[in-house]
Amino acid sequence: MGVVKDILLVFGGSMLGVTVMCLMNASAAVDRAMEKKGK
C-alpha cells in the first residue's frame, strides 16, 4: 500500500508541476500578446 501511495504522490506532483508550468507559459504568452497590441 505504501508503494502505491508513493507512486500516486509522485504522479500527482509531476502532473501538478506540468499544469503550473503550462499556466505560467500561457499567462506569459498572453502578456506578450497584450504588449504587442499596446504598441
C-alpha atoms as a PDB file:
ATOM      1  CA  MET A   1       0.000   0.000   0.000  1.00  0.00           C
ATOM      2  CA  GLY A   2       2.848   2.380   0.817  1.00  0.00           C
ATOM      3  CA  VAL A   3       4.399   1.884  -2.624  1.00  0.00           C
ATOM      4  CA  VAL A   4       1.121   2.700  -4.384  1.00  0.00           C
ATOM      5  CA  LYS A   5       0.764   5.861  -2.287  1.00  0.00           C
ATOM      6  CA  ASP A   6       4.320   6.913  -3.204  1.00  0.00           C
ATOM      7  CA  ILE A   7       3.635   6.366  -6.917  1.00  0.00           C
ATOM      8  CA  LEU A   8       0.405   8.381  -6.683  1.00  0.00           C
ATOM      9  CA  LEU A   9       2.230  11.175  -4.858  1.00  0.00           C
ATOM     10  CA  VAL A  10       4.993  11.328  -7.480  1.00  0.00           C
ATOM     11  CA  PHE A  11       2.500  11.120 -10.360  1.00  0.00           C
ATOM     12  CA  GLY A  12       0.210  13.749  -8.811  1.00  0.00           C
ATOM     13  CA  GLY A  13       3.156  16.030  -8.049  1.00  0.00           C
ATOM     14  CA  SER A  14       4.531  15.809 -11.590  1.00  0.00           C
ATOM     15  CA  MET A  15       1.083  16.423 -13.088  1.00  0.00           C
ATOM     16  CA  LEU A  16       0.663  19.444 -10.806  1.00  0.00           C
ATOM     17  CA  GLY A  17       4.091  20.746 -11.848  1.00  0.00           C
ATOM     18  CA  VAL A  18       3.278  20.344 -15.547  1.00  0.00           C
ATOM     19  CA  THR A  19      -0.060  22.123 -15.065  1.00  0.00           C
ATOM     20  CA  VAL A  20       1.603  25.028 -13.247  1.00  0.00           C
ATOM     21  CA  MET A  21       4.280  25.324 -15.960  1.00  0.00           C
ATOM     22  CA  CYS A  22       1.582  25.337 -18.671  1.00  0.00           C
ATOM     23  CA  LEU A  23      -0.393  28.026 -16.828  1.00  0.00           C
ATOM     24  CA  MET A  24       2.726  30.173 -16.358  1.00  0.00           C
ATOM     25  CA  ASN A  25       3.678  29.793 -20.035  1.00  0.00           C
ATOM     26  CA  ALA A  26       0.121  30.664 -21.089  1.00  0.00           C
ATOM     27  CA  SER A  27      -0.007  33.789 -18.897  1.00  0.00           C
ATOM     28  CA  ALA A  28       3.415  34.883 -20.193  1.00  0.00           C
ATOM     29  CA  ALA A  29       2.215  34.425 -23.792  1.00  0.00           C
ATOM     30  CA  VAL A  30      -0.913  36.479 -23.038  1.00  0.00           C
ATOM     31  CA  ASP A  31       1.245  39.223 -21.503  1.00  0.00           C
ATOM     32  CA  ARG A  32       3.408  39.337 -24.649  1.00  0.00           C
ATOM     33  CA  ALA A  33       0.323  39.445 -26.885  1.00  0.00           C
ATOM     34  CA  MET A  34      -1.098  42.333 -24.843  1.00  0.00           C
ATOM     35  CA  GLU A  35       2.203  44.226 -25.112  1.00  0.00           C
ATOM     36  CA  LYS A  36       2.209  43.815 -28.910  1.00  0.00           C
ATOM     37  CA  LYS A  37      -1.373  45.100 -29.101  1.00  0.00           C
ATOM     38  CA  GLY A  38      -0.440  48.053 -26.876  1.00  0.00           C
ATOM     39  CA  LYS A  39       2.380  49.054 -29.247  1.00  0.00           C
END
